[in-house]
């Protein structure tokens, strides 16, 4: 399915993100994450 969302930058190498998509056989859901930059090309996310 398609996916969209938005993000913020907090401080240091940390930010938040939200991703919205449709769970198969269920309904649309938005998941929230905190992310950490290793570099602009490499990030780690946790819900």
ModelCIF file with pLDDT and N, C-alpha, C, O atoms, coordinates in Angstrom:
data_MODEL
#
_entry.id   MODEL 
#
_entity.id                         1 
_entity.type                       polymer 
_entity.pdbx_number_of_molecules   1 
#
_entity_poly.entity_id                      1 
_entity_poly.type                           'polypeptide(L)' 
_entity_poly.nstd_linkage                   no 
_entity_poly.nstd_monomer                   no 
_entity_poly.pdbx_seq_one_letter_code       
;(UNK)(UNK)(UNK)(UNK)(UNK)(UNK)(UNK)(UNK)(UNK)(UNK)(UNK)(UNK)(UNK)(UNK)(UNK)(UNK)
(UNK)(UNK)(UNK)(UNK)(UNK)(UNK)(UNK)(UNK)(UNK)(UNK)(UNK)(UNK)(UNK)(UNK)(UNK)(UNK)
(UNK)(UNK)(UNK)(UNK)(UNK)(UNK)(UNK)(UNK)(UNK)(UNK)(UNK)(UNK)(UNK)(UNK)(UNK)
;
_entity_poly.pdbx_seq_one_letter_code_can   XXXXXXXXXXXXXXXXXXXXXXXXXXXXXXXXXXXXXXXXXXXXXXX 
_entity_poly.pdbx_strand_id                 A 
#
loop_
_entity_poly_seq.entity_id 
_entity_poly_seq.num 
_entity_poly_seq.mon_id 
_entity_poly_seq.hetero 
1 1  UNK n 
1 2  UNK n 
1 3  UNK n 
1 4  UNK n 
1 5  UNK n 
1 6  UNK n 
1 7  UNK n 
1 8  UNK n 
1 9  UNK n 
1 10 UNK n 
1 11 UNK n 
1 12 UNK n 
1 13 UNK n 
1 14 UNK n 
1 15 UNK n 
1 16 UNK n 
1 17 UNK n 
1 18 UNK n 
1 19 UNK n 
1 20 UNK n 
1 21 UNK n 
1 22 UNK n 
1 23 UNK n 
1 24 UNK n 
1 25 UNK n 
1 26 UNK n 
1 27 UNK n 
1 28 UNK n 
1 29 UNK n 
1 30 UNK n 
1 31 UNK n 
1 32 UNK n 
1 33 UNK n 
1 34 UNK n 
1 35 UNK n 
1 36 UNK n 
1 37 UNK n 
1 38 UNK n 
1 39 UNK n 
1 40 UNK n 
1 41 UNK n 
1 42 UNK n 
1 43 UNK n 
1 44 UNK n 
1 45 UNK n 
1 46 UNK n 
1 47 UNK n 
#
_struct_asym.id          A 
_struct_asym.entity_id   1 
#
loop_
_ma_qa_metric.id 
_ma_qa_metric.mode 
_ma_qa_metric.name 
_ma_qa_metric.software_group_id 
_ma_qa_metric.type 
1 global pLDDT . pLDDT 
2 local  pLDDT . pLDDT 
#
_ma_qa_metric_global.metric_id      1 
_ma_qa_metric_global.metric_value   96.17 
_ma_qa_metric_global.model_id       1 
_ma_qa_metric_global.ordinal_id     1 
#
loop_
_ma_qa_metric_local.label_asym_id 
_ma_qa_metric_local.label_comp_id 
_ma_qa_metric_local.label_seq_id 
_ma_qa_metric_local.metric_id 
_ma_qa_metric_local.metric_value 
_ma_qa_metric_local.model_id 
_ma_qa_metric_local.ordinal_id 
A UNK 1  2 96.00 1 1  
A UNK 2  2 96.00 1 2  
A UNK 3  2 97.00 1 3  
A UNK 4  2 97.00 1 4  
A UNK 5  2 97.00 1 5  
A UNK 6  2 98.00 1 6  
A UNK 7  2 98.00 1 7  
A UNK 8  2 98.00 1 8  
A UNK 9  2 97.00 1 9  
A UNK 10 2 96.00 1 10 
A UNK 11 2 94.00 1 11 
A UNK 12 2 94.00 1 12 
A UNK 13 2 96.00 1 13 
A UNK 14 2 97.00 1 14 
A UNK 15 2 98.00 1 15 
A UNK 16 2 98.00 1 16 
A UNK 17 2 98.00 1 17 
A UNK 18 2 98.00 1 18 
A UNK 19 2 98.00 1 19 
A UNK 20 2 97.00 1 20 
A UNK 21 2 97.00 1 21 
A UNK 22 2 94.00 1 22 
A UNK 23 2 92.00 1 23 
A UNK 24 2 89.00 1 24 
A UNK 25 2 84.00 1 25 
A UNK 26 2 85.00 1 26 
A UNK 27 2 90.00 1 27 
A UNK 28 2 95.00 1 28 
A UNK 29 2 96.00 1 29 
A UNK 30 2 97.00 1 30 
A UNK 31 2 98.00 1 31 
A UNK 32 2 98.00 1 32 
A UNK 33 2 98.00 1 33 
A UNK 34 2 98.00 1 34 
A UNK 35 2 98.00 1 35 
A UNK 36 2 98.00 1 36 
A UNK 37 2 98.00 1 37 
A UNK 38 2 98.00 1 38 
A UNK 39 2 97.00 1 39 
A UNK 40 2 97.00 1 40 
A UNK 41 2 97.00 1 41 
A UNK 42 2 98.00 1 42 
A UNK 43 2 98.00 1 43 
A UNK 44 2 98.00 1 44 
A UNK 45 2 98.00 1 45 
A UNK 46 2 98.00 1 46 
A UNK 47 2 98.00 1 47 
#
loop_
_atom_site.group_PDB 
_atom_site.id 
_atom_site.type_symbol 
_atom_site.label_atom_id 
_atom_site.label_alt_id 
_atom_site.label_comp_id 
_atom_site.label_asym_id 
_atom_site.label_entity_id 
_atom_site.label_seq_id 
_atom_site.pdbx_PDB_ins_code 
_atom_site.Cartn_x 
_atom_site.Cartn_y 
_atom_site.Cartn_z 
_atom_site.occupancy 
_atom_site.B_iso_or_equiv 
_atom_site.pdbx_formal_charge 
_atom_site.auth_seq_id 
_atom_site.auth_comp_id 
_atom_site.auth_asym_id 
_atom_site.auth_atom_id 
_atom_site.pdbx_PDB_model_num 
ATOM 1   N N  . UNK A 1 1  ? 0.828  -1.186 0.000  1.00 96.00 ? 1  UNK A N  1 
ATOM 2   C CA . UNK A 1 1  ? 0.000  0.000  0.000  1.00 96.00 ? 1  UNK A CA 1 
ATOM 3   C C  . UNK A 1 1  ? 0.872  1.250  0.000  1.00 96.00 ? 1  UNK A C  1 
ATOM 4   O O  . UNK A 1 1  ? 2.095  1.169  0.118  1.00 96.00 ? 1  UNK A O  1 
ATOM 5   N N  . UNK A 1 2  ? 0.226  2.406  -0.134 1.00 96.00 ? 2  UNK A N  1 
ATOM 6   C CA . UNK A 1 2  ? 0.952  3.667  -0.066 1.00 96.00 ? 2  UNK A CA 1 
ATOM 7   C C  . UNK A 1 2  ? 1.198  4.041  1.390  1.00 96.00 ? 2  UNK A C  1 
ATOM 8   O O  . UNK A 1 2  ? 0.539  3.532  2.297  1.00 96.00 ? 2  UNK A O  1 
ATOM 9   N N  . UNK A 1 3  ? 2.150  4.931  1.597  1.00 97.00 ? 3  UNK A N  1 
ATOM 10  C CA . UNK A 1 3  ? 2.538  5.364  2.945  1.00 97.00 ? 3  UNK A CA 1 
ATOM 11  C C  . UNK A 1 3  ? 2.899  6.836  2.871  1.00 97.00 ? 3  UNK A C  1 
ATOM 12  O O  . UNK A 1 3  ? 3.515  7.281  1.903  1.00 97.00 ? 3  UNK A O  1 
ATOM 13  N N  . UNK A 1 4  ? 2.517  7.593  3.889  1.00 97.00 ? 4  UNK A N  1 
ATOM 14  C CA . UNK A 1 4  ? 2.880  9.007  3.968  1.00 97.00 ? 4  UNK A CA 1 
ATOM 15  C C  . UNK A 1 4  ? 3.075  9.379  5.429  1.00 97.00 ? 4  UNK A C  1 
ATOM 16  O O  . UNK A 1 4  ? 2.798  8.583  6.326  1.00 97.00 ? 4  UNK A O  1 
ATOM 17  N N  . UNK A 1 5  ? 3.556  10.597 5.660  1.00 97.00 ? 5  UNK A N  1 
ATOM 18  C CA . UNK A 1 5  ? 3.758  11.015 7.037  1.00 97.00 ? 5  UNK A CA 1 
ATOM 19  C C  . UNK A 1 5  ? 4.463  12.349 7.136  1.00 97.00 ? 5  UNK A C  1 
ATOM 20  O O  . UNK A 1 5  ? 4.504  13.130 6.185  1.00 97.00 ? 5  UNK A O  1 
ATOM 21  N N  . UNK A 1 6  ? 5.010  12.587 8.300  1.00 98.00 ? 6  UNK A N  1 
ATOM 22  C CA . UNK A 1 6  ? 5.770  13.815 8.533  1.00 98.00 ? 6  UNK A CA 1 
ATOM 23  C C  . UNK A 1 6  ? 6.802  13.549 9.615  1.00 98.00 ? 6  UNK A C  1 
ATOM 24  O O  . UNK A 1 6  ? 6.812  12.483 10.232 1.00 98.00 ? 6  UNK A O  1 
ATOM 25  N N  . UNK A 1 7  ? 7.676  14.533 9.840  1.00 98.00 ? 7  UNK A N  1 
ATOM 26  C CA . UNK A 1 7  ? 8.716  14.367 10.848 1.00 98.00 ? 7  UNK A CA 1 
ATOM 27  C C  . UNK A 1 7  ? 9.081  15.708 11.451 1.00 98.00 ? 7  UNK A C  1 
ATOM 28  O O  . UNK A 1 7  ? 8.786  16.764 10.891 1.00 98.00 ? 7  UNK A O  1 
ATOM 29  N N  . UNK A 1 8  ? 9.724  15.646 12.600 1.00 98.00 ? 8  UNK A N  1 
ATOM 30  C CA . UNK A 1 8  ? 10.272 16.835 13.251 1.00 98.00 ? 8  UNK A CA 1 
ATOM 31  C C  . UNK A 1 8  ? 11.723 16.553 13.607 1.00 98.00 ? 8  UNK A C  1 
ATOM 32  O O  . UNK A 1 8  ? 12.157 15.401 13.635 1.00 98.00 ? 8  UNK A O  1 
ATOM 33  N N  . UNK A 1 9  ? 12.454 17.604 13.874 1.00 97.00 ? 9  UNK A N  1 
ATOM 34  C CA . UNK A 1 9  ? 13.803 17.466 14.419 1.00 97.00 ? 9  UNK A CA 1 
ATOM 35  C C  . UNK A 1 9  ? 13.793 18.033 15.821 1.00 97.00 ? 9  UNK A C  1 
ATOM 36  O O  . UNK A 1 9  ? 13.292 19.134 16.053 1.00 97.00 ? 9  UNK A O  1 
ATOM 37  N N  . UNK A 1 10 ? 14.357 17.265 16.774 1.00 96.00 ? 10 UNK A N  1 
ATOM 38  C CA . UNK A 1 10 ? 14.307 17.676 18.173 1.00 96.00 ? 10 UNK A CA 1 
ATOM 39  C C  . UNK A 1 10 ? 15.585 18.398 18.574 1.00 96.00 ? 10 UNK A C  1 
ATOM 40  O O  . UNK A 1 10 ? 15.571 19.608 18.800 1.00 96.00 ? 10 UNK A O  1 
ATOM 41  N N  . UNK A 1 11 ? 16.683 17.665 18.663 1.00 94.00 ? 11 UNK A N  1 
ATOM 42  C CA . UNK A 1 11 ? 17.972 18.237 19.045 1.00 94.00 ? 11 UNK A CA 1 
ATOM 43  C C  . UNK A 1 11 ? 19.042 17.179 18.839 1.00 94.00 ? 11 UNK A C  1 
ATOM 44  O O  . UNK A 1 11 ? 18.740 15.994 18.696 1.00 94.00 ? 11 UNK A O  1 
ATOM 45  N N  . UNK A 1 12 ? 20.298 17.617 18.827 1.00 94.00 ? 12 UNK A N  1 
ATOM 46  C CA . UNK A 1 12 ? 21.434 16.713 18.659 1.00 94.00 ? 12 UNK A CA 1 
ATOM 47  C C  . UNK A 1 12 ? 21.244 15.886 17.382 1.00 94.00 ? 12 UNK A C  1 
ATOM 48  O O  . UNK A 1 12 ? 21.285 16.446 16.287 1.00 94.00 ? 12 UNK A O  1 
ATOM 49  N N  . UNK A 1 13 ? 21.040 14.575 17.495 1.00 96.00 ? 13 UNK A N  1 
ATOM 50  C CA . UNK A 1 13 ? 20.807 13.753 16.300 1.00 96.00 ? 13 UNK A CA 1 
ATOM 51  C C  . UNK A 1 13 ? 19.461 13.035 16.382 1.00 96.00 ? 13 UNK A C  1 
ATOM 52  O O  . UNK A 1 13 ? 19.302 11.939 15.844 1.00 96.00 ? 13 UNK A O  1 
ATOM 53  N N  . UNK A 1 14 ? 18.491 13.661 17.058 1.00 97.00 ? 14 UNK A N  1 
ATOM 54  C CA . UNK A 1 14 ? 17.228 12.985 17.398 1.00 97.00 ? 14 UNK A CA 1 
ATOM 55  C C  . UNK A 1 14 ? 16.047 13.733 16.793 1.00 97.00 ? 14 UNK A C  1 
ATOM 56  O O  . UNK A 1 14 ? 16.048 14.962 16.723 1.00 97.00 ? 14 UNK A O  1 
ATOM 57  N N  . UNK A 1 15 ? 15.039 12.980 16.356 1.00 98.00 ? 15 UNK A N  1 
ATOM 58  C CA . UNK A 1 15 ? 13.803 13.563 15.875 1.00 98.00 ? 15 UNK A CA 1 
ATOM 59  C C  . UNK A 1 15 ? 12.644 12.599 16.042 1.00 98.00 ? 15 UNK A C  1 
ATOM 60  O O  . UNK A 1 15 ? 12.819 11.493 16.553 1.00 98.00 ? 15 UNK A O  1 
ATOM 61  N N  . UNK A 1 16 ? 11.462 13.014 15.614 1.00 98.00 ? 16 UNK A N  1 
ATOM 62  C CA . UNK A 1 16 ? 10.275 12.175 15.662 1.00 98.00 ? 16 UNK A CA 1 
ATOM 63  C C  . UNK A 1 16 ? 9.680  12.070 14.266 1.00 98.00 ? 16 UNK A C  1 
ATOM 64  O O  . UNK A 1 16 ? 9.881  12.948 13.427 1.00 98.00 ? 16 UNK A O  1 
ATOM 65  N N  . UNK A 1 17 ? 8.949  10.992 14.025 1.00 98.00 ? 17 UNK A N  1 
ATOM 66  C CA . UNK A 1 17 ? 8.303  10.792 12.730 1.00 98.00 ? 17 UNK A CA 1 
ATOM 67  C C  . UNK A 1 17 ? 6.992  10.067 12.937 1.00 98.00 ? 17 UNK A C  1 
ATOM 68  O O  . UNK A 1 17 ? 6.831  9.301  13.887 1.00 98.00 ? 17 UNK A O  1 
ATOM 69  N N  . UNK A 1 18 ? 6.053  10.317 12.033 1.00 98.00 ? 18 UNK A N  1 
ATOM 70  C CA . UNK A 1 18 ? 4.773  9.614  12.015 1.00 98.00 ? 18 UNK A CA 1 
ATOM 71  C C  . UNK A 1 18 ? 4.557  9.062  10.615 1.00 98.00 ? 18 UNK A C  1 
ATOM 72  O O  . UNK A 1 18 ? 4.789  9.765  9.632  1.00 98.00 ? 18 UNK A O  1 
ATOM 73  N N  . UNK A 1 19 ? 4.118  7.814  10.512 1.00 98.00 ? 19 UNK A N  1 
ATOM 74  C CA . UNK A 1 19 ? 3.867  7.165  9.230  1.00 98.00 ? 19 UNK A CA 1 
ATOM 75  C C  . UNK A 1 19 ? 2.455  6.595  9.224  1.00 98.00 ? 19 UNK A C  1 
ATOM 76  O O  . UNK A 1 19 ? 2.039  5.899  10.150 1.00 98.00 ? 19 UNK A O  1 
ATOM 77  N N  . UNK A 1 20 ? 1.734  6.909  8.157  1.00 97.00 ? 20 UNK A N  1 
ATOM 78  C CA . UNK A 1 20 ? 0.345  6.480  8.022  1.00 97.00 ? 20 UNK A CA 1 
ATOM 79  C C  . UNK A 1 20 ? 0.209  5.540  6.830  1.00 97.00 ? 20 UNK A C  1 
ATOM 80  O O  . UNK A 1 20 ? 0.687  5.842  5.736  1.00 97.00 ? 20 UNK A O  1 
ATOM 81  N N  . UNK A 1 21 ? -0.442 4.400  7.043  1.00 97.00 ? 21 UNK A N  1 
ATOM 82  C CA . UNK A 1 21 ? -0.696 3.437  5.975  1.00 97.00 ? 21 UNK A CA 1 
ATOM 83  C C  . UNK A 1 21 ? -1.888 2.582  6.386  1.00 97.00 ? 21 UNK A C  1 
ATOM 84  O O  . UNK A 1 21 ? -2.415 2.730  7.489  1.00 97.00 ? 21 UNK A O  1 
ATOM 85  N N  . UNK A 1 22 ? -2.306 1.694  5.504  1.00 94.00 ? 22 UNK A N  1 
ATOM 86  C CA . UNK A 1 22 ? -3.440 0.821  5.781  1.00 94.00 ? 22 UNK A CA 1 
ATOM 87  C C  . UNK A 1 22 ? -2.928 -0.563 6.127  1.00 94.00 ? 22 UNK A C  1 
ATOM 88  O O  . UNK A 1 22 ? -2.207 -1.175 5.339  1.00 94.00 ? 22 UNK A O  1 
ATOM 89  N N  . UNK A 1 23 ? -3.292 -1.062 7.295  1.00 92.00 ? 23 UNK A N  1 
ATOM 90  C CA . UNK A 1 23 ? -2.934 -2.422 7.699  1.00 92.00 ? 23 UNK A CA 1 
ATOM 91  C C  . UNK A 1 23 ? -3.808 -3.391 6.914  1.00 92.00 ? 23 UNK A C  1 
ATOM 92  O O  . UNK A 1 23 ? -5.030 -3.243 6.918  1.00 92.00 ? 23 UNK A O  1 
ATOM 93  N N  . UNK A 1 24 ? -3.218 -4.386 6.235  1.00 89.00 ? 24 UNK A N  1 
ATOM 94  C CA . UNK A 1 24 ? -4.022 -5.323 5.446  1.00 89.00 ? 24 UNK A CA 1 
ATOM 95  C C  . UNK A 1 24 ? -5.156 -5.950 6.254  1.00 89.00 ? 24 UNK A C  1 
ATOM 96  O O  . UNK A 1 24 ? -4.959 -6.386 7.388  1.00 89.00 ? 24 UNK A O  1 
ATOM 97  N N  . UNK A 1 25 ? -6.328 -5.988 5.661  1.00 84.00 ? 25 UNK A N  1 
ATOM 98  C CA . UNK A 1 25 ? -7.583 -6.535 6.201  1.00 84.00 ? 25 UNK A CA 1 
ATOM 99  C C  . UNK A 1 25 ? -8.098 -5.729 7.397  1.00 84.00 ? 25 UNK A C  1 
ATOM 100 O O  . UNK A 1 25 ? -9.086 -6.116 8.021  1.00 84.00 ? 25 UNK A O  1 
ATOM 101 N N  . UNK A 1 26 ? -7.451 -4.631 7.716  1.00 85.00 ? 26 UNK A N  1 
ATOM 102 C CA . UNK A 1 26 ? -7.895 -3.830 8.860  1.00 85.00 ? 26 UNK A CA 1 
ATOM 103 C C  . UNK A 1 26 ? -8.210 -2.415 8.404  1.00 85.00 ? 26 UNK A C  1 
ATOM 104 O O  . UNK A 1 26 ? -9.045 -2.231 7.518  1.00 85.00 ? 26 UNK A O  1 
ATOM 105 N N  . UNK A 1 27 ? -7.573 -1.424 8.978  1.00 90.00 ? 27 UNK A N  1 
ATOM 106 C CA . UNK A 1 27 ? -7.901 -0.041 8.672  1.00 90.00 ? 27 UNK A CA 1 
ATOM 107 C C  . UNK A 1 27 ? -6.639 0.803  8.661  1.00 90.00 ? 27 UNK A C  1 
ATOM 108 O O  . UNK A 1 27 ? -5.543 0.316  8.941  1.00 90.00 ? 27 UNK A O  1 
ATOM 109 N N  . UNK A 1 28 ? -6.810 2.057  8.339  1.00 95.00 ? 28 UNK A N  1 
ATOM 110 C CA . UNK A 1 28 ? -5.672 2.981  8.329  1.00 95.00 ? 28 UNK A CA 1 
ATOM 111 C C  . UNK A 1 28 ? -5.131 3.165  9.743  1.00 95.00 ? 28 UNK A C  1 
ATOM 112 O O  . UNK A 1 28 ? -5.883 3.221  10.717 1.00 95.00 ? 28 UNK A O  1 
ATOM 113 N N  . UNK A 1 29 ? -3.809 3.259  9.825  1.00 96.00 ? 29 UNK A N  1 
ATOM 114 C CA . UNK A 1 29 ? -3.166 3.405  11.125 1.00 96.00 ? 29 UNK A CA 1 
ATOM 115 C C  . UNK A 1 29 ? -2.003 4.375  10.993 1.00 96.00 ? 29 UNK A C  1 
ATOM 116 O O  . UNK A 1 29 ? -1.368 4.450  9.941  1.00 96.00 ? 29 UNK A O  1 
ATOM 117 N N  . UNK A 1 30 ? -1.728 5.101  12.033 1.00 97.00 ? 30 UNK A N  1 
ATOM 118 C CA . UNK A 1 30 ? -0.549 5.964  12.095 1.00 97.00 ? 30 UNK A CA 1 
ATOM 119 C C  . UNK A 1 30 ? 0.366  5.460  13.197 1.00 97.00 ? 30 UNK A C  1 
ATOM 120 O O  . UNK A 1 30 ? -0.053 5.331  14.347 1.00 97.00 ? 30 UNK A O  1 
ATOM 121 N N  . UNK A 1 31 ? 1.605  5.177  12.850 1.00 98.00 ? 31 UNK A N  1 
ATOM 122 C CA . UNK A 1 31 ? 2.605  4.753  13.826 1.00 98.00 ? 31 UNK A CA 1 
ATOM 123 C C  . UNK A 1 31 ? 3.576  5.899  14.083 1.00 98.00 ? 31 UNK A C  1 
ATOM 124 O O  . UNK A 1 31 ? 3.968  6.616  13.162 1.00 98.00 ? 31 UNK A O  1 
ATOM 125 N N  . UNK A 1 32 ? 3.955  6.061  15.333 1.00 98.00 ? 32 UNK A N  1 
ATOM 126 C CA . UNK A 1 32 ? 4.858  7.136  15.740 1.00 98.00 ? 32 UNK A CA 1 
ATOM 127 C C  . UNK A 1 32 ? 6.204  6.563  16.136 1.00 98.00 ? 32 UNK A C  1 
ATOM 128 O O  . UNK A 1 32 ? 6.286  5.511  16.770 1.00 98.00 ? 32 UNK A O  1 
ATOM 129 N N  . UNK A 1 33 ? 7.257  7.270  15.754 1.00 98.00 ? 33 UNK A N  1 
ATOM 130 C CA . UNK A 1 33 ? 8.621  6.804  15.966 1.00 98.00 ? 33 UNK A CA 1 
ATOM 131 C C  . UNK A 1 33 ? 9.491  7.931  16.507 1.00 98.00 ? 33 UNK A C  1 
ATOM 132 O O  . UNK A 1 33 ? 9.208  9.112  16.309 1.00 98.00 ? 33 UNK A O  1 
ATOM 133 N N  . UNK A 1 34 ? 10.545 7.539  17.187 1.00 98.00 ? 34 UNK A N  1 
ATOM 134 C CA . UNK A 1 34 ? 11.694 8.415  17.421 1.00 98.00 ? 34 UNK A CA 1 
ATOM 135 C C  . UNK A 1 34 ? 12.822 7.883  16.554 1.00 98.00 ? 34 UNK A C  1 
ATOM 136 O O  . UNK A 1 34 ? 13.029 6.672  16.479 1.00 98.00 ? 34 UNK A O  1 
ATOM 137 N N  . UNK A 1 35 ? 13.556 8.779  15.895 1.00 98.00 ? 35 UNK A N  1 
ATOM 138 C CA . UNK A 1 35 ? 14.676 8.361  15.065 1.00 98.00 ? 35 UNK A CA 1 
ATOM 139 C C  . UNK A 1 35 ? 15.970 8.997  15.548 1.00 98.00 ? 35 UNK A C  1 
ATOM 140 O O  . UNK A 1 35 ? 15.972 10.037 16.206 1.00 98.00 ? 35 UNK A O  1 
ATOM 141 N N  . UNK A 1 36 ? 17.072 8.335  15.199 1.00 98.00 ? 36 UNK A N  1 
ATOM 142 C CA . UNK A 1 36 ? 18.410 8.798  15.557 1.00 98.00 ? 36 UNK A CA 1 
ATOM 143 C C  . UNK A 1 36 ? 19.279 8.790  14.301 1.00 98.00 ? 36 UNK A C  1 
ATOM 144 O O  . UNK A 1 36 ? 19.374 7.773  13.614 1.00 98.00 ? 36 UNK A O  1 
ATOM 145 N N  . UNK A 1 37 ? 19.907 9.918  14.006 1.00 98.00 ? 37 UNK A N  1 
ATOM 146 C CA . UNK A 1 37 ? 20.845 9.980  12.888 1.00 98.00 ? 37 UNK A CA 1 
ATOM 147 C C  . UNK A 1 37 ? 22.154 9.283  13.241 1.00 98.00 ? 37 UNK A C  1 
ATOM 148 O O  . UNK A 1 37 ? 22.742 9.573  14.283 1.00 98.00 ? 37 UNK A O  1 
ATOM 149 N N  . UNK A 1 38 ? 22.620 8.368  12.391 1.00 98.00 ? 38 UNK A N  1 
ATOM 150 C CA . UNK A 1 38 ? 24.037 8.020  12.343 1.00 98.00 ? 38 UNK A CA 1 
ATOM 151 C C  . UNK A 1 38 ? 24.726 9.008  11.416 1.00 98.00 ? 38 UNK A C  1 
ATOM 152 O O  . UNK A 1 38 ? 25.811 9.516  11.702 1.00 98.00 ? 38 UNK A O  1 
ATOM 153 N N  . UNK A 1 39 ? 24.055 9.264  10.291 1.00 97.00 ? 39 UNK A N  1 
ATOM 154 C CA . UNK A 1 39 ? 24.454 10.259 9.309  1.00 97.00 ? 39 UNK A CA 1 
ATOM 155 C C  . UNK A 1 39 ? 23.198 10.618 8.531  1.00 97.00 ? 39 UNK A C  1 
ATOM 156 O O  . UNK A 1 39 ? 22.166 9.975  8.722  1.00 97.00 ? 39 UNK A O  1 
ATOM 157 N N  . UNK A 1 40 ? 23.248 11.626 7.656  1.00 97.00 ? 40 UNK A N  1 
ATOM 158 C CA . UNK A 1 40 ? 22.064 11.906 6.836  1.00 97.00 ? 40 UNK A CA 1 
ATOM 159 C C  . UNK A 1 40 ? 21.662 10.742 5.933  1.00 97.00 ? 40 UNK A C  1 
ATOM 160 O O  . UNK A 1 40 ? 20.563 10.746 5.378  1.00 97.00 ? 40 UNK A O  1 
ATOM 161 N N  . UNK A 1 41 ? 22.534 9.749  5.777  1.00 97.00 ? 41 UNK A N  1 
ATOM 162 C CA . UNK A 1 41 ? 22.241 8.596  4.934  1.00 97.00 ? 41 UNK A CA 1 
ATOM 163 C C  . UNK A 1 41 ? 21.870 7.355  5.728  1.00 97.00 ? 41 UNK A C  1 
ATOM 164 O O  . UNK A 1 41 ? 21.582 6.318  5.132  1.00 97.00 ? 41 UNK A O  1 
ATOM 165 N N  . UNK A 1 42 ? 21.869 7.428  7.056  1.00 98.00 ? 42 UNK A N  1 
ATOM 166 C CA . UNK A 1 42 ? 21.675 6.236  7.882  1.00 98.00 ? 42 UNK A CA 1 
ATOM 167 C C  . UNK A 1 42 ? 20.984 6.645  9.179  1.00 98.00 ? 42 UNK A C  1 
ATOM 168 O O  . UNK A 1 42 ? 21.546 7.401  9.972  1.00 98.00 ? 42 UNK A O  1 
ATOM 169 N N  . UNK A 1 43 ? 19.755 6.145  9.399  1.00 98.00 ? 43 UNK A N  1 
ATOM 170 C CA . UNK A 1 43 ? 18.990 6.486  10.580 1.00 98.00 ? 43 UNK A CA 1 
ATOM 171 C C  . UNK A 1 43 ? 18.420 5.218  11.208 1.00 98.00 ? 43 UNK A C  1 
ATOM 172 O O  . UNK A 1 43 ? 18.125 4.241  10.520 1.00 98.00 ? 43 UNK A O  1 
ATOM 173 N N  . UNK A 1 44 ? 18.272 5.258  12.544 1.00 98.00 ? 44 UNK A N  1 
ATOM 174 C CA . UNK A 1 44 ? 17.616 4.172  13.266 1.00 98.00 ? 44 UNK A CA 1 
ATOM 175 C C  . UNK A 1 44 ? 16.307 4.682  13.861 1.00 98.00 ? 44 UNK A C  1 
ATOM 176 O O  . UNK A 1 44 ? 16.230 5.794  14.383 1.00 98.00 ? 44 UNK A O  1 
ATOM 177 N N  . UNK A 1 45 ? 15.265 3.826  13.767 1.00 98.00 ? 45 UNK A N  1 
ATOM 178 C CA . UNK A 1 45 ? 13.924 4.181  14.210 1.00 98.00 ? 45 UNK A CA 1 
ATOM 179 C C  . UNK A 1 45 ? 13.453 3.210  15.289 1.00 98.00 ? 45 UNK A C  1 
ATOM 180 O O  . UNK A 1 45 ? 13.803 2.030  15.266 1.00 98.00 ? 45 UNK A O  1 
ATOM 181 N N  . UNK A 1 46 ? 12.659 3.711  16.234 1.00 98.00 ? 46 UNK A N  1 
ATOM 182 C CA . UNK A 1 46 ? 11.987 2.861  17.209 1.00 98.00 ? 46 UNK A CA 1 
ATOM 183 C C  . UNK A 1 46 ? 10.581 3.398  17.424 1.00 98.00 ? 46 UNK A C  1 
ATOM 184 O O  . UNK A 1 46 ? 10.387 4.598  17.618 1.00 98.00 ? 46 UNK A O  1 
ATOM 185 N N  . UNK A 1 47 ? 9.591  2.491  17.389 1.00 98.00 ? 47 UNK A N  1 
ATOM 186 C CA . UNK A 1 47 ? 8.206  2.898  17.568 1.00 98.00 ? 47 UNK A CA 1 
ATOM 187 C C  . UNK A 1 47 ? 7.943  3.254  19.032 1.00 98.00 ? 47 UNK A C  1 
ATOM 188 O O  . UNK A 1 47 ? 6.824  3.624  19.386 1.00 98.00 ? 47 UNK A O  1 
#
